[in-house]
Amino acid sequence: MSAPARATSLLDYVGQCVPFARAASGIQIYGDAWTWWDKAAGVYQRGETPRPGAVIVFARTARLPLGHVAVISRVVDRRVVMVTHANWSRQNGERGHAEQDVTLTDVSPYNDWSEVKVWYRDMEGLGSTVYPTYGFIYGKTIARRAAARPAPELTSRDPDYVGALIDAYR
């Protein structure tokens, strides 16, 4: 899968989360991030279990009026994953940059990933905001004719698993 327009590498991308998630996951859904969950119905498999290459879909909220999508890069434990996404933290004073292997923690009361906290570079820690999510869209289509291919840059060679766990369980 190629990087979004104007980026030579997936990690050089600057822009919105949707085209980034499409390129990073290979899942071909269009429209605002919050609409991905319903648009995936009957086309892609969906569920509550994180898997590398799956897209987690954040619900629309006052803070996220268009929702958000991020791609699971690593599963650390049953309540901690790493995501690769764009347009979350500020880098050099601007939003839109891609971030690789960012800590995402399940804080839902039933361990179903319906509520998460996300590492926020500006604070150098997990944000305090709890974001509602719909679940995970997997790269396999319902018809099983094709499987999406995540980008090779989805995860680094040596992600900081220990740091992710420390961030999540502070």
C-alpha atoms as a PDB file:
ATOM      1  CA  MET A   1       0.000   0.000   0.000  1.00  0.00           C
ATOM      2  CA  SER A   2       1.413   3.384  -0.876  1.00  0.00           C
ATOM      3  CA  ALA A   3       1.692   6.389   1.382  1.00  0.00           C
ATOM      4  CA  PRO A   4      -0.956   9.110   1.090  1.00  0.00           C
ATOM      5  CA  ALA A   5      -0.356  11.875  -1.444  1.00  0.00           C
ATOM      6  CA  ARG A   6       2.681  14.107  -0.838  1.00  0.00           C
ATOM      7  CA  ALA A   7       4.415  11.590   1.478  1.00  0.00           C
ATOM      8  CA  THR A   8       7.317   9.424   0.387  1.00  0.00           C
ATOM      9  CA  SER A   9       6.982   7.293   3.514  1.00  0.00           C
ATOM     10  CA  LEU A  10       3.894   6.528   5.522  1.00  0.00           C
ATOM     11  CA  LEU A  11       5.608   8.110   8.534  1.00  0.00           C
ATOM     12  CA  ASP A  12       6.290  11.364   6.645  1.00  0.00           C
ATOM     13  CA  TYR A  13       2.565  11.896   6.157  1.00  0.00           C
ATOM     14  CA  VAL A  14       0.952  15.113   7.401  1.00  0.00           C
ATOM     15  CA  GLY A  15      -2.836  15.360   7.110  1.00  0.00           C
ATOM     16  CA  GLN A  16      -6.064  13.807   8.337  1.00  0.00           C
ATOM     17  CA  CYS A  17      -6.433  10.445  10.055  1.00  0.00           C
ATOM     18  CA  VAL A  18      -8.759   8.893   7.457  1.00  0.00           C
ATOM     19  CA  PRO A  19      -6.461   8.805   4.399  1.00  0.00           C
ATOM     20  CA  PHE A  20      -3.618   7.780   6.683  1.00  0.00           C
ATOM     21  CA  ALA A  21      -5.590   4.861   8.178  1.00  0.00           C
ATOM     22  CA  ARG A  22      -6.683   3.755   4.705  1.00  0.00           C
ATOM     23  CA  ALA A  23      -3.042   3.667   3.507  1.00  0.00           C
ATOM     24  CA  ALA A  24      -1.687   2.127   6.720  1.00  0.00           C
ATOM     25  CA  SER A  25      -4.318  -0.624   7.028  1.00  0.00           C
ATOM     26  CA  GLY A  26      -5.288  -1.297   3.422  1.00  0.00           C
ATOM     27  CA  ILE A  27      -8.951  -1.048   4.463  1.00  0.00           C
ATOM     28  CA  GLN A  28     -10.738   0.855   1.741  1.00  0.00           C
ATOM     29  CA  ILE A  29     -13.446   2.872   3.498  1.00  0.00           C
ATOM     30  CA  TYR A  30     -14.120   6.540   2.743  1.00  0.00           C
ATOM     31  CA  GLY A  31     -15.860   9.312   4.670  1.00  0.00           C
ATOM     32  CA  ASP A  32     -15.479  10.872   8.102  1.00  0.00           C
ATOM     33  CA  ALA A  33     -13.786   8.655  10.675  1.00  0.00           C
ATOM     34  CA  TRP A  34     -16.881   8.134  12.824  1.00  0.00           C
ATOM     35  CA  THR A  35     -18.791   6.753   9.799  1.00  0.00           C
ATOM     36  CA  TRP A  36     -16.321   3.911   9.200  1.00  0.00           C
ATOM     37  CA  TRP A  37     -17.987   1.540  11.665  1.00  0.00           C
ATOM     38  CA  ASP A  38     -21.350   1.549   9.891  1.00  0.00           C
ATOM     39  CA  LYS A  39     -19.740   1.599   6.433  1.00  0.00           C
ATOM     40  CA  ALA A  40     -17.761  -1.541   7.313  1.00  0.00           C
ATOM     41  CA  ALA A  41     -20.947  -3.473   8.180  1.00  0.00           C
ATOM     42  CA  GLY A  42     -21.504  -6.262   5.683  1.00  0.00           C
ATOM     43  CA  VAL A  43     -18.199  -5.501   3.928  1.00  0.00           C
ATOM     44  CA  TYR A  44     -15.403  -6.027   6.479  1.00  0.00           C
ATOM     45  CA  GLN A  45     -15.302  -8.175   9.577  1.00  0.00           C
ATOM     46  CA  ARG A  46     -15.726  -6.196  12.812  1.00  0.00           C
ATOM     47  CA  GLY A  47     -15.244  -7.007  16.465  1.00  0.00           C
ATOM     48  CA  GLU A  48     -14.085  -6.096  19.973  1.00  0.00           C
ATOM     49  CA  THR A  49     -10.637  -7.726  19.929  1.00  0.00           C
ATOM     50  CA  PRO A  50      -7.575  -5.742  18.820  1.00  0.00           C
ATOM     51  CA  ARG A  51      -5.386  -7.315  16.135  1.00  0.00           C
ATOM     52  CA  PRO A  52      -2.400  -5.864  14.293  1.00  0.00           C
ATOM     53  CA  GLY A  53      -3.591  -4.128  11.124  1.00  0.00           C
ATOM     54  CA  ALA A  54      -7.137  -3.602  12.431  1.00  0.00           C
ATOM     55  CA  VAL A  55      -8.603  -0.100  12.538  1.00  0.00           C
ATOM     56  CA  ILE A  56     -10.134   1.141  15.790  1.00  0.00           C
ATOM     57  CA  VAL A  57     -12.981   3.576  15.171  1.00  0.00           C
ATOM     58  CA  PHE A  58     -13.536   6.409  17.650  1.00  0.00           C
ATOM     59  CA  ALA A  59     -17.057   7.752  18.038  1.00  0.00           C
ATOM     60  CA  ARG A  60     -17.937  11.352  17.265  1.00  0.00           C
ATOM     61  CA  THR A  61     -17.774  13.545  20.390  1.00  0.00           C
ATOM     62  CA  ALA A  62     -17.550  17.265  21.170  1.00  0.00           C
ATOM     63  CA  ARG A  63     -13.751  16.876  21.214  1.00  0.00           C
ATOM     64  CA  LEU A  64     -13.728  14.695  18.085  1.00  0.00           C
ATOM     65  CA  PRO A  65     -16.566  16.003  15.906  1.00  0.00           C
ATOM     66  CA  LEU A  66     -15.410  13.833  12.970  1.00  0.00           C
ATOM     67  CA  GLY A  67     -14.342  10.894  15.131  1.00  0.00           C
ATOM     68  CA  HIS A  68     -10.901   9.358  14.703  1.00  0.00           C
ATOM     69  CA  VAL A  69      -9.400   6.195  13.240  1.00  0.00           C
ATOM     70  CA  ALA A  70      -6.113   4.562  14.187  1.00  0.00           C
ATOM     71  CA  VAL A  71      -4.435   1.346  13.094  1.00  0.00           C
ATOM     72  CA  ILE A  72      -3.351  -1.277  15.629  1.00  0.00           C
ATOM     73  CA  SER A  73       0.386  -1.781  15.233  1.00  0.00           C
ATOM     74  CA  ARG A  74       1.060  -4.085  18.216  1.00  0.00           C
ATOM     75  CA  VAL A  75      -0.936  -5.867  20.909  1.00  0.00           C
ATOM     76  CA  VAL A  76       0.944  -5.497  24.204  1.00  0.00           C
ATOM     77  CA  ASP A  77      -1.525  -7.175  26.566  1.00  0.00           C
ATOM     78  CA  ARG A  78      -5.293  -7.641  26.842  1.00  0.00           C
ATOM     79  CA  ARG A  79      -5.859  -3.954  27.723  1.00  0.00           C
ATOM     80  CA  VAL A  80      -2.900  -2.221  26.082  1.00  0.00           C
ATOM     81  CA  VAL A  81      -2.101  -1.893  22.388  1.00  0.00           C
ATOM     82  CA  MET A  82       0.038   0.348  20.238  1.00  0.00           C
ATOM     83  CA  VAL A  83      -1.444   2.266  17.337  1.00  0.00           C
ATOM     84  CA  THR A  84      -0.021   4.090  14.384  1.00  0.00           C
ATOM     85  CA  HIS A  85      -2.136   7.094  13.407  1.00  0.00           C
ATOM     86  CA  ALA A  86      -2.118  10.654  12.137  1.00  0.00           C
ATOM     87  CA  ASN A  87      -3.485  13.992  13.281  1.00  0.00           C
ATOM     88  CA  TRP A  88      -3.484  13.405  17.028  1.00  0.00           C
ATOM     89  CA  SER A  89      -0.609  15.075  18.894  1.00  0.00           C
ATOM     90  CA  ARG A  90       1.062  18.304  17.875  1.00  0.00           C
ATOM     91  CA  GLN A  91       4.571  18.003  16.503  1.00  0.00           C
ATOM     92  CA  ASN A  92       6.577  21.158  15.971  1.00  0.00           C
ATOM     93  CA  GLY A  93       3.447  23.124  16.848  1.00  0.00           C
ATOM     94  CA  GLU A  94       1.192  21.562  14.232  1.00  0.00           C
ATOM     95  CA  ARG A  95      -1.292  18.717  14.003  1.00  0.00           C
ATOM     96  CA  GLY A  96      -1.553  16.128  11.282  1.00  0.00           C
ATOM     97  CA  HIS A  97       1.735  14.264  11.629  1.00  0.00           C
ATOM     98  CA  ALA A  98       1.917  10.489  11.700  1.00  0.00           C
ATOM     99  CA  GLU A  99       2.888   8.791  14.964  1.00  0.00           C
ATOM    100  CA  GLN A 100       4.088   5.198  15.170  1.00  0.00           C
ATOM    101  CA  ASP A 101       3.515   2.733  18.045  1.00  0.00           C
ATOM    102  CA  VAL A 102       1.515   5.063  20.308  1.00  0.00           C
ATOM    103  CA  THR A 103       0.058   3.615  23.531  1.00  0.00           C
ATOM    104  CA  LEU A 104      -3.718   3.087  23.578  1.00  0.00           C
ATOM    105  CA  THR A 105      -5.355   1.672  26.704  1.00  0.00           C
ATOM    106  CA  ASP A 106      -8.736   0.033  27.194  1.00  0.00           C
ATOM    107  CA  VAL A 107     -10.426   1.720  30.162  1.00  0.00           C
ATOM    108  CA  SER A 108     -13.915   0.324  29.537  1.00  0.00           C
ATOM    109  CA  PRO A 109     -15.645  -1.195  32.562  1.00  0.00           C
ATOM    110  CA  TYR A 110     -16.305  -4.485  30.720  1.00  0.00           C
ATOM    111  CA  ASN A 111     -12.900  -4.846  29.018  1.00  0.00           C
ATOM    112  CA  ASP A 112     -14.513  -4.540  25.580  1.00  0.00           C
ATOM    113  CA  TRP A 113     -12.480  -1.620  24.174  1.00  0.00           C
ATOM    114  CA  SER A 114     -15.561   0.620  24.072  1.00  0.00           C
ATOM    115  CA  GLU A 115     -13.653   3.347  25.974  1.00  0.00           C
ATOM    116  CA  VAL A 116      -9.970   4.178  25.577  1.00  0.00           C
ATOM    117  CA  LYS A 117      -7.247   6.609  26.600  1.00  0.00           C
ATOM    118  CA  VAL A 118      -4.529   7.619  24.149  1.00  0.00           C
ATOM    119  CA  TRP A 119      -0.895   8.667  24.605  1.00  0.00           C
ATOM    120  CA  TYR A 120      -0.664  12.374  23.934  1.00  0.00           C
ATOM    121  CA  ARG A 121       2.756  13.646  22.901  1.00  0.00           C
ATOM    122  CA  ASP A 122       2.021  17.190  24.106  1.00  0.00           C
ATOM    123  CA  MET A 123       1.695  15.876  27.675  1.00  0.00           C
ATOM    124  CA  GLU A 124       4.221  13.058  27.272  1.00  0.00           C
ATOM    125  CA  GLY A 125       1.730  10.678  28.814  1.00  0.00           C
ATOM    126  CA  LEU A 126      -1.698   9.186  28.519  1.00  0.00           C
ATOM    127  CA  GLY A 127      -4.310  11.840  28.099  1.00  0.00           C
ATOM    128  CA  SER A 128      -6.952  12.141  30.785  1.00  0.00           C
ATOM    129  CA  THR A 129      -9.834  12.106  28.314  1.00  0.00           C
ATOM    130  CA  VAL A 130     -11.784   8.881  27.847  1.00  0.00           C
ATOM    131  CA  TYR A 131     -12.862   8.414  24.235  1.00  0.00           C
ATOM    132  CA  PRO A 132     -15.771   6.157  23.231  1.00  0.00           C
ATOM    133  CA  THR A 133     -15.090   3.737  20.392  1.00  0.00           C
ATOM    134  CA  TYR A 134     -17.218   1.446  18.236  1.00  0.00           C
ATOM    135  CA  GLY A 135     -14.721  -1.378  17.919  1.00  0.00           C
ATOM    136  CA  PHE A 136     -12.248  -2.803  15.423  1.00  0.00           C
ATOM    137  CA  ILE A 137     -12.520  -3.232  11.677  1.00  0.00           C
ATOM    138  CA  TYR A 138     -10.405  -6.111  10.439  1.00  0.00           C
ATOM    139  CA  GLY A 139      -8.748  -6.232   7.046  1.00  0.00           C
ATOM    140  CA  LYS A 140     -10.631  -9.314   5.884  1.00  0.00           C
ATOM    141  CA  THR A 141     -13.765  -8.740   3.855  1.00  0.00           C
ATOM    142  CA  ILE A 142     -16.999 -10.563   4.692  1.00  0.00           C
ATOM    143  CA  ALA A 143     -16.940 -12.223   1.262  1.00  0.00           C
ATOM    144  CA  ARG A 144     -13.345 -13.334   2.012  1.00  0.00           C
ATOM    145  CA  ARG A 145     -12.367 -12.422  -1.532  1.00  0.00           C
ATOM    146  CA  ALA A 146      -9.597 -10.145  -0.412  1.00  0.00           C
ATOM    147  CA  ALA A 147      -7.625  -9.249   2.647  1.00  0.00           C
ATOM    148  CA  ALA A 148      -6.207  -5.791   3.224  1.00  0.00           C
ATOM    149  CA  ARG A 149      -2.443  -5.584   3.489  1.00  0.00           C
ATOM    150  CA  PRO A 150      -1.166  -3.302   6.229  1.00  0.00           C
ATOM    151  CA  ALA A 151       1.769  -1.063   5.379  1.00  0.00           C
ATOM    152  CA  PRO A 152       5.202  -2.399   6.400  1.00  0.00           C
ATOM    153  CA  GLU A 153       5.846   0.849   8.334  1.00  0.00           C
ATOM    154  CA  LEU A 154       2.863   0.176  10.589  1.00  0.00           C
ATOM    155  CA  THR A 155       5.164  -0.737  13.462  1.00  0.00           C
ATOM    156  CA  SER A 156       8.796  -0.176  14.310  1.00  0.00           C
ATOM    157  CA  ARG A 157      11.395  -2.914  14.634  1.00  0.00           C
ATOM    158  CA  ASP A 158      11.772  -2.356  18.350  1.00  0.00           C
ATOM    159  CA  PRO A 159       8.647  -0.859  19.955  1.00  0.00           C
ATOM    160  CA  ASP A 160       8.781   0.130  23.632  1.00  0.00           C
ATOM    161  CA  TYR A 161       6.486  -2.513  25.179  1.00  0.00           C
ATOM    162  CA  VAL A 162       7.686  -1.759  28.698  1.00  0.00           C
ATOM    163  CA  GLY A 163       7.040   1.957  28.233  1.00  0.00           C
ATOM    164  CA  ALA A 164       3.549   1.217  26.932  1.00  0.00           C
ATOM    165  CA  LEU A 165       2.748  -0.881  30.000  1.00  0.00           C
ATOM    166  CA  ILE A 166       4.178   1.731  32.360  1.00  0.00           C
ATOM    167  CA  ASP A 167       2.106   4.428  30.623  1.00  0.00           C
ATOM    168  CA  ALA A 168      -1.046   2.345  30.873  1.00  0.00           C
ATOM    169  CA  TYR A 169      -0.763   1.208  34.473  1.00  0.00           C
ATOM    170  CA  ARG A 170       0.530   4.367  36.178  1.00  0.00           C
END
